[in-house]
Amino acid sequence: MLDSLGPQLIFYLLLLMAFGGYFFVSLRSNFSKTLQQVSVWALLFLGLIGVYGLKDDIRQNLFPAQNVLSDGRIEVPRSPDGHYYLTASVNGVPVRFVVDTGASQIVLSQRDAERAGIETASLAYVGQANTANGTVAIAPVRLNTVDLGPIHDRDLRAVVNRGEMDLSLMGMTYLTRFARVEFDRDRMILER
């Protein structure tokens, strides 16, 4: 093992000597500027180490995610914007939903419906829904599968919204499938 480290060690020592020599020459001509640059790079390096060390905490605060607890319950933290977001698999494709107790059913955006394999161009938009943005046309669809953690549902009714939507809505027809939906401080708990 020491034989394989020998050439690498010599290379790194030569590299260190080259940088050290450059640093020494630079230091002699303009000490304060060199010290300032070294300080800036050191602070940037420490900042990157700090961000890397806190990346999981930062991600959880910016993008809270649901947790499946050991007893099968699903715990969803409230997002900083006050909403609860779920990621469920619809027809095998992950879809991010906003939990909307004011929505009577599962409402897919056109983008999410297309990702889930539904041809939105061939749908019959025969229904209407009253939203905060006015009345929109909706098309009834059947979802082959909806998986949320350990919970697997098949052949669920939903609608596709023809209007502009950023996210799909997880409405009451899905939420009432749970035996318990509880809002406790900054989290929602779903239990079957």
C-alpha atoms as a PDB file:
ATOM      1  CA  MET A   1       0.000   0.000   0.000  1.00  0.00           C
ATOM      2  CA  LEU A   2       2.855   2.386   0.794  1.00  0.00           C
ATOM      3  CA  ASP A   3       4.352   1.675  -2.630  1.00  0.00           C
ATOM      4  CA  SER A   4       1.209   2.961  -4.346  1.00  0.00           C
ATOM      5  CA  LEU A   5       1.090   6.053  -2.122  1.00  0.00           C
ATOM      6  CA  GLY A   6       4.703   7.038  -2.850  1.00  0.00           C
ATOM      7  CA  PRO A   7       4.175   8.624  -6.298  1.00  0.00           C
ATOM      8  CA  GLN A   8       0.952  10.316  -5.161  1.00  0.00           C
ATOM      9  CA  LEU A   9       2.634  11.683  -2.057  1.00  0.00           C
ATOM     10  CA  ILE A  10       5.510  13.094  -4.116  1.00  0.00           C
ATOM     11  CA  PHE A  11       3.029  14.669  -6.554  1.00  0.00           C
ATOM     12  CA  TYR A  12       1.046  16.319  -3.751  1.00  0.00           C
ATOM     13  CA  LEU A  13       4.219  17.567  -2.058  1.00  0.00           C
ATOM     14  CA  LEU A  14       5.395  19.133  -5.328  1.00  0.00           C
ATOM     15  CA  LEU A  15       1.964  20.678  -5.830  1.00  0.00           C
ATOM     16  CA  LEU A  16       2.010  22.043  -2.279  1.00  0.00           C
ATOM     17  CA  MET A  17       5.490  23.474  -2.850  1.00  0.00           C
ATOM     18  CA  ALA A  18       4.353  25.161  -6.077  1.00  0.00           C
ATOM     19  CA  PHE A  19       1.313  26.754  -4.437  1.00  0.00           C
ATOM     20  CA  GLY A  20       3.290  27.582  -1.325  1.00  0.00           C
ATOM     21  CA  GLY A  21       5.993  29.241  -3.423  1.00  0.00           C
ATOM     22  CA  TYR A  22       3.417  31.267  -5.323  1.00  0.00           C
ATOM     23  CA  PHE A  23       1.731  32.249  -2.068  1.00  0.00           C
ATOM     24  CA  PHE A  24       5.076  33.269  -0.536  1.00  0.00           C
ATOM     25  CA  VAL A  25       5.992  35.445  -3.547  1.00  0.00           C
ATOM     26  CA  SER A  26       2.507  37.021  -3.593  1.00  0.00           C
ATOM     27  CA  LEU A  27       2.606  37.562   0.129  1.00  0.00           C
ATOM     28  CA  ARG A  28       5.845  39.513  -0.047  1.00  0.00           C
ATOM     29  CA  SER A  29       4.607  41.994  -2.646  1.00  0.00           C
ATOM     30  CA  ASN A  30       1.135  42.787  -1.262  1.00  0.00           C
ATOM     31  CA  PHE A  31       0.521  41.205   2.128  1.00  0.00           C
ATOM     32  CA  SER A  32      -2.832  42.863   2.977  1.00  0.00           C
ATOM     33  CA  LYS A  33      -4.474  42.051  -0.357  1.00  0.00           C
ATOM     34  CA  THR A  34      -3.316  38.436  -0.225  1.00  0.00           C
ATOM     35  CA  LEU A  35      -4.550  38.069   3.344  1.00  0.00           C
ATOM     36  CA  GLN A  36      -7.917  39.537   2.315  1.00  0.00           C
ATOM     37  CA  GLN A  37      -8.274  37.068  -0.569  1.00  0.00           C
ATOM     38  CA  VAL A  38      -7.312  34.119   1.629  1.00  0.00           C
ATOM     39  CA  SER A  39      -9.902  35.234   4.198  1.00  0.00           C
ATOM     40  CA  VAL A  40     -12.648  35.498   1.571  1.00  0.00           C
ATOM     41  CA  TRP A  41     -11.882  32.022   0.213  1.00  0.00           C
ATOM     42  CA  ALA A  42     -11.745  30.573   3.730  1.00  0.00           C
ATOM     43  CA  LEU A  43     -15.151  32.081   4.587  1.00  0.00           C
ATOM     44  CA  LEU A  44     -16.648  30.797   1.323  1.00  0.00           C
ATOM     45  CA  PHE A  45     -15.275  27.344   2.065  1.00  0.00           C
ATOM     46  CA  LEU A  46     -16.703  27.388   5.604  1.00  0.00           C
ATOM     47  CA  GLY A  47     -20.051  28.620   4.266  1.00  0.00           C
ATOM     48  CA  LEU A  48     -20.219  25.760   1.765  1.00  0.00           C
ATOM     49  CA  ILE A  49     -19.415  23.269   4.504  1.00  0.00           C
ATOM     50  CA  GLY A  50     -22.201  24.777   6.634  1.00  0.00           C
ATOM     51  CA  VAL A  51     -24.766  24.642   3.824  1.00  0.00           C
ATOM     52  CA  TYR A  52     -23.814  21.064   3.022  1.00  0.00           C
ATOM     53  CA  GLY A  53     -24.115  20.074   6.676  1.00  0.00           C
ATOM     54  CA  LEU A  54     -27.553  21.678   6.985  1.00  0.00           C
ATOM     55  CA  LYS A  55     -28.916  20.648   3.574  1.00  0.00           C
ATOM     56  CA  ASP A  56     -31.446  18.183   5.001  1.00  0.00           C
ATOM     57  CA  ASP A  57     -32.790  20.746   7.476  1.00  0.00           C
ATOM     58  CA  ILE A  58     -32.968  23.421   4.781  1.00  0.00           C
ATOM     59  CA  ARG A  59     -34.768  21.072   2.379  1.00  0.00           C
ATOM     60  CA  GLN A  60     -37.259  20.024   5.076  1.00  0.00           C
ATOM     61  CA  ASN A  61     -38.032  23.656   5.934  1.00  0.00           C
ATOM     62  CA  LEU A  62     -38.416  24.784   2.333  1.00  0.00           C
ATOM     63  CA  PHE A  63     -40.094  21.644   0.992  1.00  0.00           C
ATOM     64  CA  PRO A  64     -41.686  19.726   3.862  1.00  0.00           C
ATOM     65  CA  ALA A  65     -42.487  16.150   2.906  1.00  0.00           C
ATOM     66  CA  GLN A  66     -44.927  13.610   4.209  1.00  0.00           C
ATOM     67  CA  ASN A  67     -43.720  10.846   6.486  1.00  0.00           C
ATOM     68  CA  VAL A  68     -45.091   7.339   6.734  1.00  0.00           C
ATOM     69  CA  LEU A  69     -44.974   6.341  10.383  1.00  0.00           C
ATOM     70  CA  SER A  70     -44.306   2.798  11.554  1.00  0.00           C
ATOM     71  CA  ASP A  71     -47.995   2.161  12.279  1.00  0.00           C
ATOM     72  CA  GLY A  72     -49.004   3.104   8.715  1.00  0.00           C
ATOM     73  CA  ARG A  73     -50.208   6.608   9.518  1.00  0.00           C
ATOM     74  CA  ILE A  74     -49.154   9.388   7.200  1.00  0.00           C
ATOM     75  CA  GLU A  75     -47.981  12.628   8.753  1.00  0.00           C
ATOM     76  CA  VAL A  76     -47.925  15.719   6.552  1.00  0.00           C
ATOM     77  CA  PRO A  77     -46.219  18.880   7.839  1.00  0.00           C
ATOM     78  CA  ARG A  78     -47.747  22.258   7.080  1.00  0.00           C
ATOM     79  CA  SER A  79     -45.768  24.145   4.488  1.00  0.00           C
ATOM     80  CA  PRO A  80     -44.524  27.682   5.212  1.00  0.00           C
ATOM     81  CA  ASP A  81     -47.310  28.969   2.928  1.00  0.00           C
ATOM     82  CA  GLY A  82     -49.903  27.375   5.255  1.00  0.00           C
ATOM     83  CA  HIS A  83     -50.938  24.540   2.923  1.00  0.00           C
ATOM     84  CA  TYR A  84     -50.506  20.786   3.211  1.00  0.00           C
ATOM     85  CA  TYR A  85     -48.909  19.033   0.247  1.00  0.00           C
ATOM     86  CA  LEU A  86     -49.016  15.328  -0.570  1.00  0.00           C
ATOM     87  CA  THR A  87     -47.113  13.425  -3.192  1.00  0.00           C
ATOM     88  CA  ALA A  88     -49.095  10.442  -4.405  1.00  0.00           C
ATOM     89  CA  SER A  89     -48.443   8.079  -7.258  1.00  0.00           C
ATOM     90  CA  VAL A  90     -51.224   8.329  -9.857  1.00  0.00           C
ATOM     91  CA  ASN A  91     -51.121   5.534 -12.425  1.00  0.00           C
ATOM     92  CA  GLY A  92     -47.496   4.986 -11.403  1.00  0.00           C
ATOM     93  CA  VAL A  93     -46.438   8.633 -11.793  1.00  0.00           C
ATOM     94  CA  PRO A  94     -45.631  10.873  -8.794  1.00  0.00           C
ATOM     95  CA  VAL A  95     -48.043  13.817  -8.575  1.00  0.00           C
ATOM     96  CA  ARG A  96     -47.795  16.635  -6.058  1.00  0.00           C
ATOM     97  CA  PHE A  97     -51.174  17.604  -4.612  1.00  0.00           C
ATOM     98  CA  VAL A  98     -52.300  20.435  -2.408  1.00  0.00           C
ATOM     99  CA  VAL A  99     -54.797  19.163   0.172  1.00  0.00           C
ATOM    100  CA  ASP A 100     -57.988  21.129  -0.438  1.00  0.00           C
ATOM    101  CA  THR A 101     -60.917  20.437   1.882  1.00  0.00           C
ATOM    102  CA  GLY A 102     -62.941  22.867  -0.229  1.00  0.00           C
ATOM    103  CA  ALA A 103     -62.573  20.644  -3.297  1.00  0.00           C
ATOM    104  CA  SER A 104     -65.183  17.919  -3.456  1.00  0.00           C
ATOM    105  CA  GLN A 105     -63.029  15.500  -5.453  1.00  0.00           C
ATOM    106  CA  ILE A 106     -59.573  14.761  -6.804  1.00  0.00           C
ATOM    107  CA  VAL A 107     -58.824  17.425  -9.408  1.00  0.00           C
ATOM    108  CA  LEU A 108     -55.894  16.901 -11.755  1.00  0.00           C
ATOM    109  CA  SER A 109     -54.230  19.683 -13.652  1.00  0.00           C
ATOM    110  CA  GLN A 110     -53.924  19.024 -17.364  1.00  0.00           C
ATOM    111  CA  ARG A 111     -50.165  18.642 -17.021  1.00  0.00           C
ATOM    112  CA  ASP A 112     -50.454  16.051 -14.232  1.00  0.00           C
ATOM    113  CA  ALA A 113     -53.211  14.197 -16.091  1.00  0.00           C
ATOM    114  CA  GLU A 114     -51.032  13.923 -19.190  1.00  0.00           C
ATOM    115  CA  ARG A 115     -48.085  12.732 -17.110  1.00  0.00           C
ATOM    116  CA  ALA A 116     -50.374  10.047 -15.624  1.00  0.00           C
ATOM    117  CA  GLY A 117     -51.228   8.779 -19.109  1.00  0.00           C
ATOM    118  CA  ILE A 118     -54.568  10.524 -19.632  1.00  0.00           C
ATOM    119  CA  GLU A 119     -55.049  12.051 -23.079  1.00  0.00           C
ATOM    120  CA  THR A 120     -56.533  15.409 -22.142  1.00  0.00           C
ATOM    121  CA  ALA A 121     -57.214  16.436 -25.747  1.00  0.00           C
ATOM    122  CA  SER A 122     -59.731  13.611 -26.166  1.00  0.00           C
ATOM    123  CA  LEU A 123     -61.601  14.200 -22.886  1.00  0.00           C
ATOM    124  CA  ALA A 124     -65.198  15.406 -22.794  1.00  0.00           C
ATOM    125  CA  TYR A 125     -65.224  18.538 -20.638  1.00  0.00           C
ATOM    126  CA  VAL A 126     -68.917  18.263 -19.854  1.00  0.00           C
ATOM    127  CA  GLY A 127     -68.901  19.374 -16.226  1.00  0.00           C
ATOM    128  CA  GLN A 128     -68.332  22.687 -14.523  1.00  0.00           C
ATOM    129  CA  ALA A 129     -66.709  23.586 -11.245  1.00  0.00           C
ATOM    130  CA  ASN A 130     -66.886  26.839  -9.347  1.00  0.00           C
ATOM    131  CA  THR A 131     -63.453  27.875  -8.161  1.00  0.00           C
ATOM    132  CA  ALA A 132     -61.937  30.943  -6.582  1.00  0.00           C
ATOM    133  CA  ASN A 133     -60.933  31.949 -10.124  1.00  0.00           C
ATOM    134  CA  GLY A 134     -64.414  31.488 -11.565  1.00  0.00           C
ATOM    135  CA  THR A 135     -66.179  28.662 -13.362  1.00  0.00           C
ATOM    136  CA  VAL A 136     -64.024  26.112 -15.191  1.00  0.00           C
ATOM    137  CA  ALA A 137     -64.785  23.145 -17.417  1.00  0.00           C
ATOM    138  CA  ILE A 138     -63.958  19.710 -16.016  1.00  0.00           C
ATOM    139  CA  ALA A 139     -63.847  16.220 -17.488  1.00  0.00           C
ATOM    140  CA  PRO A 140     -64.573  13.085 -15.453  1.00  0.00           C
ATOM    141  CA  VAL A 141     -61.869  10.397 -15.490  1.00  0.00           C
ATOM    142  CA  ARG A 142     -61.009   7.164 -13.702  1.00  0.00           C
ATOM    143  CA  LEU A 143     -57.611   6.737 -12.108  1.00  0.00           C
ATOM    144  CA  ASN A 144     -56.336   3.171 -12.304  1.00  0.00           C
ATOM    145  CA  THR A 145     -54.201   3.508  -9.182  1.00  0.00           C
ATOM    146  CA  VAL A 146     -53.521   6.077  -6.495  1.00  0.00           C
ATOM    147  CA  ASP A 147     -50.765   5.127  -4.063  1.00  0.00           C
ATOM    148  CA  LEU A 148     -49.967   7.196  -0.998  1.00  0.00           C
ATOM    149  CA  GLY A 149     -47.211   5.540   1.002  1.00  0.00           C
ATOM    150  CA  PRO A 150     -48.498   2.117   2.083  1.00  0.00           C
ATOM    151  CA  ILE A 151     -52.059   2.923   0.980  1.00  0.00           C
ATOM    152  CA  HIS A 152     -53.108   1.618  -2.431  1.00  0.00           C
ATOM    153  CA  ASP A 153     -56.420   2.570  -4.038  1.00  0.00           C
ATOM    154  CA  ARG A 154     -57.735   1.448  -7.405  1.00  0.00           C
ATOM    155  CA  ASP A 155     -60.298   2.732  -9.875  1.00  0.00           C
ATOM    156  CA  LEU A 156     -60.902   6.138  -8.309  1.00  0.00           C
ATOM    157  CA  ARG A 157     -63.062   8.849  -9.775  1.00  0.00           C
ATOM    158  CA  ALA A 158     -61.434  12.194 -10.449  1.00  0.00           C
ATOM    159  CA  VAL A 159     -61.753  15.150 -12.779  1.00  0.00           C
ATOM    160  CA  VAL A 160     -59.340  16.975 -15.037  1.00  0.00           C
ATOM    161  CA  ASN A 161     -59.544  20.749 -14.885  1.00  0.00           C
ATOM    162  CA  ARG A 162     -59.408  22.493 -18.246  1.00  0.00           C
ATOM    163  CA  GLY A 163     -58.393  25.765 -16.587  1.00  0.00           C
ATOM    164  CA  GLU A 164     -54.952  26.869 -15.482  1.00  0.00           C
ATOM    165  CA  MET A 165     -53.743  25.096 -12.344  1.00  0.00           C
ATOM    166  CA  ASP A 166     -50.270  24.975 -10.860  1.00  0.00           C
ATOM    167  CA  LEU A 167     -50.956  21.903  -8.729  1.00  0.00           C
ATOM    168  CA  SER A 168     -53.536  19.173  -8.604  1.00  0.00           C
ATOM    169  CA  LEU A 169     -55.997  19.123  -5.706  1.00  0.00           C
ATOM    170  CA  MET A 170     -56.563  16.293  -3.244  1.00  0.00           C
ATOM    171  CA  GLY A 171     -60.225  16.791  -2.408  1.00  0.00           C
ATOM    172  CA  MET A 172     -62.762  15.338  -0.020  1.00  0.00           C
ATOM    173  CA  THR A 173     -63.716  12.203  -1.972  1.00  0.00           C
ATOM    174  CA  TYR A 174     -60.194  10.960  -1.326  1.00  0.00           C
ATOM    175  CA  LEU A 175     -59.804  12.329   2.193  1.00  0.00           C
ATOM    176  CA  THR A 176     -63.066  10.694   3.354  1.00  0.00           C
ATOM    177  CA  ARG A 177     -61.555   7.296   2.498  1.00  0.00           C
ATOM    178  CA  PHE A 178     -59.493   7.685   5.669  1.00  0.00           C
ATOM    179  CA  ALA A 179     -60.874   6.650   9.056  1.00  0.00           C
ATOM    180  CA  ARG A 180     -59.214   9.664  10.602  1.00  0.00           C
ATOM    181  CA  VAL A 181     -58.018  12.992   9.235  1.00  0.00           C
ATOM    182  CA  GLU A 182     -56.595  15.127  12.011  1.00  0.00           C
ATOM    183  CA  PHE A 183     -55.028  18.563  12.014  1.00  0.00           C
ATOM    184  CA  ASP A 184     -52.671  18.857  14.969  1.00  0.00           C
ATOM    185  CA  ARG A 185     -50.757  22.135  15.211  1.00  0.00           C
ATOM    186  CA  ASP A 186     -48.534  22.216  12.146  1.00  0.00           C
ATOM    187  CA  ARG A 187     -49.258  18.761  10.777  1.00  0.00           C
ATOM    188  CA  MET A 188     -52.025  16.728   9.244  1.00  0.00           C
ATOM    189  CA  ILE A 189     -52.351  13.055  10.164  1.00  0.00           C
ATOM    190  CA  LEU A 190     -54.061  10.561   7.860  1.00  0.00           C
ATOM    191  CA  GLU A 191     -54.996   7.136   9.177  1.00  0.00           C
ATOM    192  CA  ARG A 192     -56.964   4.257   7.673  1.00  0.00           C
END
